[in-house]
C-alpha atoms as a PDB file:
ATOM      1  CA  MET A   1      14.537 -16.638  11.832  1.00  0.00           C
ATOM      2  CA  GLY A   2      16.945 -13.862  12.830  1.00  0.00           C
ATOM      3  CA  HIS A   3      17.966 -10.719  11.012  1.00  0.00           C
ATOM      4  CA  LEU A   4      17.963 -10.752   7.238  1.00  0.00           C
ATOM      5  CA  LYS A   5      21.332 -11.887   5.934  1.00  0.00           C
ATOM      6  CA  LEU A   6      23.541  -9.004   4.907  1.00  0.00           C
ATOM      7  CA  THR A   7      25.445  -8.801   1.652  1.00  0.00           C
ATOM      8  CA  PHE A   8      29.059  -9.999   1.828  1.00  0.00           C
ATOM      9  CA  LEU A   9      30.623  -6.529   2.101  1.00  0.00           C
ATOM     10  CA  SER A  10      28.077  -5.334   4.641  1.00  0.00           C
ATOM     11  CA  ARG A  11      29.375  -7.958   7.059  1.00  0.00           C
ATOM     12  CA  PHE A  12      32.455  -5.800   7.406  1.00  0.00           C
ATOM     13  CA  HIS A  13      31.049  -2.301   6.958  1.00  0.00           C
ATOM     14  CA  LYS A  14      28.011  -0.808   8.634  1.00  0.00           C
ATOM     15  CA  PRO A  15      25.674   0.601   5.976  1.00  0.00           C
ATOM     16  CA  PRO A  16      25.771   4.415   6.121  1.00  0.00           C
ATOM     17  CA  VAL A  17      22.052   4.639   5.374  1.00  0.00           C
ATOM     18  CA  ASN A  18      19.338   2.789   7.298  1.00  0.00           C
ATOM     19  CA  PHE A  19      17.187   1.611   4.421  1.00  0.00           C
ATOM     20  CA  TYR A  20      14.958  -0.354   6.776  1.00  0.00           C
ATOM     21  CA  ASP A  21      13.934   2.918   8.419  1.00  0.00           C
ATOM     22  CA  LEU A  22      13.431   4.648   5.079  1.00  0.00           C
ATOM     23  CA  LEU A  23      11.151   1.865   3.848  1.00  0.00           C
ATOM     24  CA  GLU A  24       9.244   1.866   7.138  1.00  0.00           C
ATOM     25  CA  GLN A  25       8.726   5.632   6.892  1.00  0.00           C
ATOM     26  CA  HIS A  26       7.392   5.218   3.363  1.00  0.00           C
ATOM     27  CA  ALA A  27       5.075   2.421   4.516  1.00  0.00           C
ATOM     28  CA  ALA A  28       3.874   4.590   7.420  1.00  0.00           C
ATOM     29  CA  LYS A  29       3.066   7.435   5.048  1.00  0.00           C
ATOM     30  CA  THR A  30       1.214   5.015   2.767  1.00  0.00           C
ATOM     31  CA  LEU A  31      -0.818   3.773   5.724  1.00  0.00           C
ATOM     32  CA  GLU A  32      -1.583   7.371   6.695  1.00  0.00           C
ATOM     33  CA  GLY A  33      -2.975   8.022   3.232  1.00  0.00           C
ATOM     34  CA  MET A  34      -5.165   4.932   3.391  1.00  0.00           C
ATOM     35  CA  GLN A  35      -6.409   5.986   6.832  1.00  0.00           C
ATOM     36  CA  GLU A  36      -7.494   9.346   5.458  1.00  0.00           C
ATOM     37  CA  LEU A  37      -9.206   7.643   2.532  1.00  0.00           C
ATOM     38  CA  GLY A  38     -11.050   5.347   4.936  1.00  0.00           C
ATOM     39  CA  ALA A  39     -12.046   8.289   7.134  1.00  0.00           C
ATOM     40  CA  TRP A  40     -13.492  10.040   4.101  1.00  0.00           C
ATOM     41  CA  PHE A  41     -15.579   7.010   3.199  1.00  0.00           C
ATOM     42  CA  GLU A  42     -16.744   6.683   6.796  1.00  0.00           C
ATOM     43  CA  THR A  43     -17.600  10.320   7.543  1.00  0.00           C
ATOM     44  CA  GLY A  44     -18.043  11.974   4.158  1.00  0.00           C
ATOM     45  CA  ASP A  45     -15.952  14.881   5.474  1.00  0.00           C
ATOM     46  CA  ASP A  46     -13.982  16.370   2.577  1.00  0.00           C
ATOM     47  CA  ILE A  47     -11.110  17.346   4.870  1.00  0.00           C
ATOM     48  CA  HIS A  48      -9.971  13.716   4.703  1.00  0.00           C
ATOM     49  CA  LYS A  49     -10.307  13.642   0.934  1.00  0.00           C
ATOM     50  CA  HIS A  50      -8.058  16.676   0.568  1.00  0.00           C
ATOM     51  CA  ARG A  51      -5.392  15.127   2.778  1.00  0.00           C
ATOM     52  CA  VAL A  52      -4.890  12.091   0.544  1.00  0.00           C
ATOM     53  CA  PRO A  53      -3.144  13.928  -2.364  1.00  0.00           C
ATOM     54  CA  GLU A  54      -1.010  15.885   0.109  1.00  0.00           C
ATOM     55  CA  ILE A  55       0.096  12.676   1.821  1.00  0.00           C
ATOM     56  CA  GLU A  56       0.812  11.164  -1.588  1.00  0.00           C
ATOM     57  CA  ARG A  57       3.151  14.091  -2.328  1.00  0.00           C
ATOM     58  CA  GLN A  58       4.901  13.538   0.993  1.00  0.00           C
ATOM     59  CA  ALA A  59       5.267   9.849   0.148  1.00  0.00           C
ATOM     60  CA  ASP A  60       6.762  10.820  -3.228  1.00  0.00           C
ATOM     61  CA  ALA A  61       9.371  12.897  -1.417  1.00  0.00           C
ATOM     62  CA  LEU A  62      10.248   9.920   0.795  1.00  0.00           C
ATOM     63  CA  ARG A  63      10.528   7.657  -2.242  1.00  0.00           C
ATOM     64  CA  LEU A  64      12.777  10.120  -4.044  1.00  0.00           C
ATOM     65  CA  ASP A  65      14.989  10.523  -0.969  1.00  0.00           C
ATOM     66  CA  LEU A  66      15.358   6.759  -0.663  1.00  0.00           C
ATOM     67  CA  GLN A  67      16.207   6.362  -4.334  1.00  0.00           C
ATOM     68  CA  ILE A  68      18.796   9.149  -4.254  1.00  0.00           C
ATOM     69  CA  LYS A  69      20.441   7.582  -1.223  1.00  0.00           C
ATOM     70  CA  LEU A  70      20.268   4.171  -2.837  1.00  0.00           C
ATOM     71  CA  GLY A  71      22.109   5.476  -5.882  1.00  0.00           C
ATOM     72  CA  ALA A  72      24.773   7.119  -3.728  1.00  0.00           C
ATOM     73  CA  THR A  73      25.310   4.206  -1.334  1.00  0.00           C
ATOM     74  CA  PHE A  74      27.786   1.446  -2.103  1.00  0.00           C
ATOM     75  CA  ILE A  75      26.726  -0.918   0.689  1.00  0.00           C
ATOM     76  CA  THR A  76      23.101  -1.887   1.279  1.00  0.00           C
ATOM     77  CA  PRO A  77      21.622  -4.297   3.864  1.00  0.00           C
ATOM     78  CA  PHE A  78      20.157  -6.441   1.093  1.00  0.00           C
ATOM     79  CA  ASP A  79      19.890  -6.389  -2.686  1.00  0.00           C
ATOM     80  CA  ARG A  80      19.557  -2.784  -3.899  1.00  0.00           C
ATOM     81  CA  GLU A  81      17.187  -3.823  -6.679  1.00  0.00           C
ATOM     82  CA  ASP A  82      14.865  -5.321  -4.072  1.00  0.00           C
ATOM     83  CA  ILE A  83      14.995  -2.108  -2.027  1.00  0.00           C
ATOM     84  CA  PHE A  84      14.164  -0.125  -5.154  1.00  0.00           C
ATOM     85  CA  ASP A  85      11.297  -2.445  -6.100  1.00  0.00           C
ATOM     86  CA  LEU A  86       9.790  -2.298  -2.593  1.00  0.00           C
ATOM     87  CA  SER A  87       9.859   1.498  -2.732  1.00  0.00           C
ATOM     88  CA  ILE A  88       8.216   1.543  -6.154  1.00  0.00           C
ATOM     89  CA  LYS A  89       5.492  -0.855  -5.063  1.00  0.00           C
ATOM     90  CA  LEU A  90       4.773   1.229  -1.961  1.00  0.00           C
ATOM     91  CA  ASP A  91       4.451   4.234  -4.229  1.00  0.00           C
ATOM     92  CA  GLU A  92       1.934   2.389  -6.386  1.00  0.00           C
ATOM     93  CA  VAL A  93      -0.312   1.765  -3.373  1.00  0.00           C
ATOM     94  CA  ILE A  94      -0.477   5.402  -2.246  1.00  0.00           C
ATOM     95  CA  ASN A  95      -0.787   6.571  -5.861  1.00  0.00           C
ATOM     96  CA  GLY A  96      -3.781   4.265  -6.132  1.00  0.00           C
ATOM     97  CA  ALA A  97      -5.399   5.911  -3.108  1.00  0.00           C
ATOM     98  CA  LYS A  98      -5.039   9.308  -4.757  1.00  0.00           C
ATOM     99  CA  ALA A  99      -6.464   7.897  -8.005  1.00  0.00           C
ATOM    100  CA  ILE A 100      -9.561   6.732  -6.124  1.00  0.00           C
ATOM    101  CA  VAL A 101     -10.120  10.256  -4.813  1.00  0.00           C
ATOM    102  CA  ARG A 102      -9.624  11.804  -8.242  1.00  0.00           C
ATOM    103  CA  GLU A 103     -11.938   9.275  -9.903  1.00  0.00           C
ATOM    104  CA  MET A 104     -14.690   9.878  -7.367  1.00  0.00           C
ATOM    105  CA  GLU A 105     -14.373  13.626  -7.813  1.00  0.00           C
ATOM    106  CA  ALA A 106     -14.525  13.289 -11.596  1.00  0.00           C
ATOM    107  CA  MET A 107     -17.494  10.914 -11.465  1.00  0.00           C
ATOM    108  CA  ASP A 108     -19.236  12.797  -8.652  1.00  0.00           C
ATOM    109  CA  VAL A 109     -19.537   9.609  -6.587  1.00  0.00           C
ATOM    110  CA  GLN A 110     -20.279  10.169  -2.908  1.00  0.00           C
ATOM    111  CA  PRO A 111     -18.192   8.235  -0.374  1.00  0.00           C
ATOM    112  CA  LYS A 112     -20.818   7.312   2.222  1.00  0.00           C
ATOM    113  CA  GLU A 113     -22.090   4.180   0.506  1.00  0.00           C
ATOM    114  CA  GLU A 114     -21.977   0.878   2.379  1.00  0.00           C
ATOM    115  CA  SER A 115     -20.108  -1.194  -0.211  1.00  0.00           C
ATOM    116  CA  LEU A 116     -17.508   1.532  -0.701  1.00  0.00           C
ATOM    117  CA  GLN A 117     -17.005   1.692   3.048  1.00  0.00           C
ATOM    118  CA  GLN A 118     -16.546  -2.070   3.281  1.00  0.00           C
ATOM    119  CA  LEU A 119     -14.027  -2.081   0.454  1.00  0.00           C
ATOM    120  CA  SER A 120     -12.094   0.849   1.925  1.00  0.00           C
ATOM    121  CA  LEU A 121     -11.824  -0.932   5.283  1.00  0.00           C
ATOM    122  CA  ILE A 122     -10.233  -3.943   3.591  1.00  0.00           C
ATOM    123  CA  LEU A 123      -7.753  -1.704   1.762  1.00  0.00           C
ATOM    124  CA  LEU A 124      -6.897  -0.071   5.071  1.00  0.00           C
ATOM    125  CA  GLU A 125      -6.377  -3.472   6.663  1.00  0.00           C
ATOM    126  CA  GLY A 126      -3.975  -4.449   3.888  1.00  0.00           C
ATOM    127  CA  ALA A 127      -2.016  -1.206   4.238  1.00  0.00           C
ATOM    128  CA  ARG A 128      -1.764  -1.708   8.002  1.00  0.00           C
ATOM    129  CA  CYS A 129      -0.396  -5.228   7.525  1.00  0.00           C
ATOM    130  CA  LEU A 130       2.166  -3.893   5.063  1.00  0.00           C
ATOM    131  CA  HIS A 131       3.295  -1.266   7.550  1.00  0.00           C
ATOM    132  CA  ASN A 132       3.590  -3.926  10.231  1.00  0.00           C
ATOM    133  CA  ALA A 133       5.710  -5.992   7.845  1.00  0.00           C
ATOM    134  CA  PHE A 134       8.115  -3.144   7.107  1.00  0.00           C
ATOM    135  CA  SER A 135       8.280  -2.261  10.807  1.00  0.00           C
ATOM    136  CA  THR A 136       9.548  -5.749  11.660  1.00  0.00           C
ATOM    137  CA  LEU A 137      11.505  -6.507   8.490  1.00  0.00           C
ATOM    138  CA  LYS A 138      14.893  -6.018  10.162  1.00  0.00           C
ATOM    139  CA  SER A 139      14.199  -7.177  13.711  1.00  0.00           C
ATOM    140  CA  ASP A 140      11.825 -10.076  13.070  1.00  0.00           C
ATOM    141  CA  PRO A 141      11.683 -11.274   9.454  1.00  0.00           C
ATOM    142  CA  LYS A 142       9.409 -14.162  10.390  1.00  0.00           C
ATOM    143  CA  GLU A 143       6.768 -11.778  11.721  1.00  0.00           C
ATOM    144  CA  ALA A 144       7.319  -9.509   8.736  1.00  0.00           C
ATOM    145  CA  GLY A 145       6.564 -12.472   6.515  1.00  0.00           C
ATOM    146  CA  ASN A 146       3.405 -13.235   8.501  1.00  0.00           C
ATOM    147  CA  GLN A 147       2.212  -9.663   8.091  1.00  0.00           C
ATOM    148  CA  ALA A 148       3.007  -9.677   4.371  1.00  0.00           C
ATOM    149  CA  PHE A 149       0.985 -12.878   4.067  1.00  0.00           C
ATOM    150  CA  LEU A 150      -1.944 -11.200   5.847  1.00  0.00           C
ATOM    151  CA  ALA A 151      -1.683  -8.275   3.439  1.00  0.00           C
ATOM    152  CA  ARG A 152      -1.996 -10.712   0.566  1.00  0.00           C
ATOM    153  CA  LYS A 153      -4.988 -12.383   2.221  1.00  0.00           C
ATOM    154  CA  SER A 154      -6.715  -9.006   2.414  1.00  0.00           C
ATOM    155  CA  GLU A 155      -6.778  -8.948  -1.391  1.00  0.00           C
ATOM    156  CA  ASN A 156      -8.713 -12.220  -1.369  1.00  0.00           C
ATOM    157  CA  ARG A 157     -11.267 -10.753   1.026  1.00  0.00           C
ATOM    158  CA  PHE A 158     -11.482  -7.620  -1.083  1.00  0.00           C
ATOM    159  CA  THR A 159     -12.202  -9.631  -4.216  1.00  0.00           C
ATOM    160  CA  LYS A 160     -15.093 -11.464  -2.536  1.00  0.00           C
ATOM    161  CA  VAL A 161     -16.705  -8.228  -1.346  1.00  0.00           C
ATOM    162  CA  TYR A 162     -15.998  -6.589  -4.707  1.00  0.00           C
ATOM    163  CA  ARG A 163     -17.771  -9.342  -6.622  1.00  0.00           C
ATOM    164  CA  GLN A 164     -20.821  -9.214  -4.365  1.00  0.00           C
ATOM    165  CA  ALA A 165     -20.941  -5.410  -4.495  1.00  0.00           C
ATOM    166  CA  THR A 166     -20.659  -5.472  -8.286  1.00  0.00           C
ATOM    167  CA  HIS A 167     -23.452  -8.015  -8.540  1.00  0.00           C
ATOM    168  CA  GLU A 168     -25.723  -5.863  -6.390  1.00  0.00           C
ATOM    169  CA  LEU A 169     -24.721  -2.703  -8.226  1.00  0.00           C
ATOM    170  CA  PHE A 170     -25.738  -4.029 -11.637  1.00  0.00           C
ATOM    171  CA  ALA A 171     -29.101  -5.112 -10.242  1.00  0.00           C
ATOM    172  CA  ALA A 172     -30.017  -1.420  -9.875  1.00  0.00           C
ATOM    173  CA  ASP A 173     -31.863   0.619 -12.500  1.00  0.00           C
ATOM    174  CA  ASP A 174     -29.812   3.816 -12.766  1.00  0.00           C
ATOM    175  CA  LEU A 175     -27.324   2.992 -15.530  1.00  0.00           C
ATOM    176  CA  LYS A 176     -25.410   6.253 -15.173  1.00  0.00           C
ATOM    177  CA  SER A 177     -24.929   5.728 -11.451  1.00  0.00           C
ATOM    178  CA  ILE A 178     -23.997   2.094 -12.038  1.00  0.00           C
ATOM    179  CA  LEU A 179     -21.223   2.926 -14.493  1.00  0.00           C
ATOM    180  CA  LYS A 180     -19.793   5.703 -12.338  1.00  0.00           C
ATOM    181  CA  THR A 181     -19.709   3.585  -9.191  1.00  0.00           C
ATOM    182  CA  TYR A 182     -18.293   0.609 -11.061  1.00  0.00           C
ATOM    183  CA  GLU A 183     -15.337   2.707 -12.198  1.00  0.00           C
ATOM    184  CA  VAL A 184     -14.618   3.522  -8.557  1.00  0.00           C
ATOM    185  CA  TYR A 185     -14.858  -0.163  -7.654  1.00  0.00           C
ATOM    186  CA  ARG A 186     -12.330  -0.926 -10.366  1.00  0.00           C
ATOM    187  CA  ASN A 187      -9.902   1.675  -9.058  1.00  0.00           C
ATOM    188  CA  MET A 188     -10.197   0.213  -5.587  1.00  0.00           C
ATOM    189  CA  LEU A 189      -9.605  -3.271  -6.975  1.00  0.00           C
ATOM    190  CA  HIS A 190      -6.374  -2.049  -8.574  1.00  0.00           C
ATOM    191  CA  VAL A 191      -5.164  -0.830  -5.172  1.00  0.00           C
ATOM    192  CA  ALA A 192      -5.993  -4.191  -3.589  1.00  0.00           C
ATOM    193  CA  GLU A 193      -3.978  -5.900  -6.333  1.00  0.00           C
ATOM    194  CA  ARG A 194      -1.033  -3.573  -5.627  1.00  0.00           C
ATOM    195  CA  VAL A 195      -1.207  -4.447  -1.933  1.00  0.00           C
ATOM    196  CA  ASP A 196      -1.081  -8.116  -2.903  1.00  0.00           C
ATOM    197  CA  SER A 197       1.855  -7.537  -5.252  1.00  0.00           C
ATOM    198  CA  LEU A 198       3.826  -5.713  -2.559  1.00  0.00           C
ATOM    199  CA  GLY A 199       3.078  -8.438  -0.019  1.00  0.00           C
ATOM    200  CA  GLU A 200       4.327 -11.030  -2.500  1.00  0.00           C
ATOM    201  CA  LYS A 201       7.526  -9.038  -3.093  1.00  0.00           C
ATOM    202  CA  LEU A 202       8.156  -8.722   0.629  1.00  0.00           C
ATOM    203  CA  ILE A 203       7.809 -12.464   1.121  1.00  0.00           C
ATOM    204  CA  HIS A 204      10.214 -13.028  -1.775  1.00  0.00           C
ATOM    205  CA  VAL A 205      12.801 -10.701  -0.201  1.00  0.00           C
ATOM    206  CA  ILE A 206      12.471 -12.380   3.200  1.00  0.00           C
ATOM    207  CA  VAL A 207      12.830 -15.895   1.775  1.00  0.00           C
ATOM    208  CA  LYS A 208      15.721 -14.810  -0.448  1.00  0.00           C
ATOM    209  CA  ASN A 209      17.652 -13.348   2.463  1.00  0.00           C
ATOM    210  CA  GLY A 210      16.562 -15.736   5.210  1.00  0.00           C
END
């Protein structure tokens, strides 16, 4: 499969804004946030925790810039509603990473726990696949589709680990600790579901414009 098909008018006019690059930048910032989250779970160093909300704010600025340009641009490389939806779904992933940090702070849950580390690694894997997909969306839609599919598969792996971790968690005796940790698990599950939703949307866009 070659480049994504352009809209009718864009066959005759070069789009003044490179929305592929803007989406890739947003995906890169999302991946950066997930990397910091994973580093926090791995090391317990709060410097990584503090970086996640800052990266989320930077991602918000990228999203806003894209949406302003989208509203001001007559010609887009593919459906403007799809561009908007992809940006929104990227935002939901990085917002979810920040929500995990905030929930753990509120619940006083420590990051260096094996199940949390395993789950965070799967989230990171999904975010990396999404970034790979956006990086190749223009030049190699087939590979972008493969990467989006892998992002969706990461949600399946997450769910398996999540179920096992939940089962083991509720076998413990400390009810207060159980409930607090379970809330964090649930927040992480929501992020995995957002990764899956974005992967599904990407595949839809690629098939639609292939």
